[in-house]
């Protein structure tokens, strides 16, 4: 799992909006999974959310709006 690192360059959110991608600190999947206490919980929930994303037609759970 990728660690979240805060970005405060004043342009990260503007760039993400143009690209149609949320920055990591605004992505619900990354914030939720990254906030879980144990590695086992993060791994389990990431797998469950990835499966739900596939069922919804997304290739990656991070890409789900």
Protein backbone atom coordinates (compact mmCIF):
# COMPACT_ATOMS: atom_id res chain seq x y z
CA UNK A 1 0.00 0.00 0.00
CA UNK A 2 1.24 3.46 -0.82
CA UNK A 3 1.74 5.85 2.07
CA UNK A 4 -0.09 9.17 1.96
CA UNK A 5 2.07 12.26 2.15
CA UNK A 6 0.46 15.69 2.48
CA UNK A 7 1.11 18.02 -0.42
CA UNK A 8 0.89 21.73 0.23
CA UNK A 9 2.24 23.38 -2.89
CA UNK A 10 -0.96 25.31 -3.54
CA UNK A 11 -1.41 23.66 -6.95
CA UNK A 12 -2.05 19.99 -6.21
CA UNK A 13 -5.84 20.32 -6.04
CA UNK A 14 -6.02 22.50 -9.16
CA UNK A 15 -3.89 20.06 -11.14
CA UNK A 16 -5.97 17.12 -9.95
CA UNK A 17 -9.19 18.88 -10.98
CA UNK A 18 -7.85 19.49 -14.48
CA UNK A 19 -6.68 15.88 -14.81
CA UNK A 20 -9.94 14.54 -13.35
CA UNK A 21 -8.07 12.74 -10.58
CA UNK A 22 -8.29 13.47 -6.88
CA UNK A 23 -5.11 14.01 -4.90
CA UNK A 24 -4.37 11.19 -2.46
CA UNK A 25 -5.49 13.19 0.58
CA UNK A 26 -8.92 13.72 -1.07
CA UNK A 27 -9.46 10.21 -2.44
CA UNK A 28 -12.05 8.41 -0.26
CA UNK A 29 -10.53 4.98 -0.92
CA UNK A 30 -6.98 6.00 0.00
CA UNK A 31 -8.06 8.02 3.03
CA UNK A 32 -10.29 5.25 4.38
CA UNK A 33 -7.94 2.33 3.79
CA UNK A 34 -4.93 4.36 4.93
CA UNK A 35 -6.71 5.23 8.17
CA UNK A 36 -7.27 1.63 9.23
CA UNK A 37 -5.12 0.60 12.19
CA UNK A 38 -3.69 -2.75 11.19
CA UNK A 39 -2.01 -3.97 8.03
CA UNK A 40 -4.38 -6.94 8.01
CA UNK A 41 -7.42 -4.64 8.11
CA UNK A 42 -6.00 -2.50 5.30
CA UNK A 43 -5.27 -5.57 3.17
CA UNK A 44 -8.72 -7.09 3.78
CA UNK A 45 -10.66 -3.89 3.11
CA UNK A 46 -8.54 -3.03 0.05
CA UNK A 47 -9.37 -6.44 -1.38
CA UNK A 48 -13.09 -6.05 -0.65
CA UNK A 49 -13.23 -2.56 -2.15
CA UNK A 50 -11.27 -3.72 -5.20
CA UNK A 51 -13.83 -6.47 -5.78
CA UNK A 52 -16.72 -4.01 -5.47
CA UNK A 53 -14.95 -1.66 -7.91
CA UNK A 54 -14.60 -4.52 -10.41
CA UNK A 55 -18.29 -5.34 -10.01
CA UNK A 56 -19.10 -1.71 -10.82
CA UNK A 57 -16.92 -1.81 -13.92
CA UNK A 58 -13.84 0.00 -12.62
CA UNK A 59 -10.39 -1.50 -13.12
CA UNK A 60 -9.06 0.06 -9.94
CA UNK A 61 -10.74 0.90 -6.63
CA UNK A 62 -8.79 4.17 -6.44
CA UNK A 63 -10.53 5.33 -9.64
CA UNK A 64 -14.07 4.99 -8.25
CA UNK A 65 -15.54 8.49 -7.82
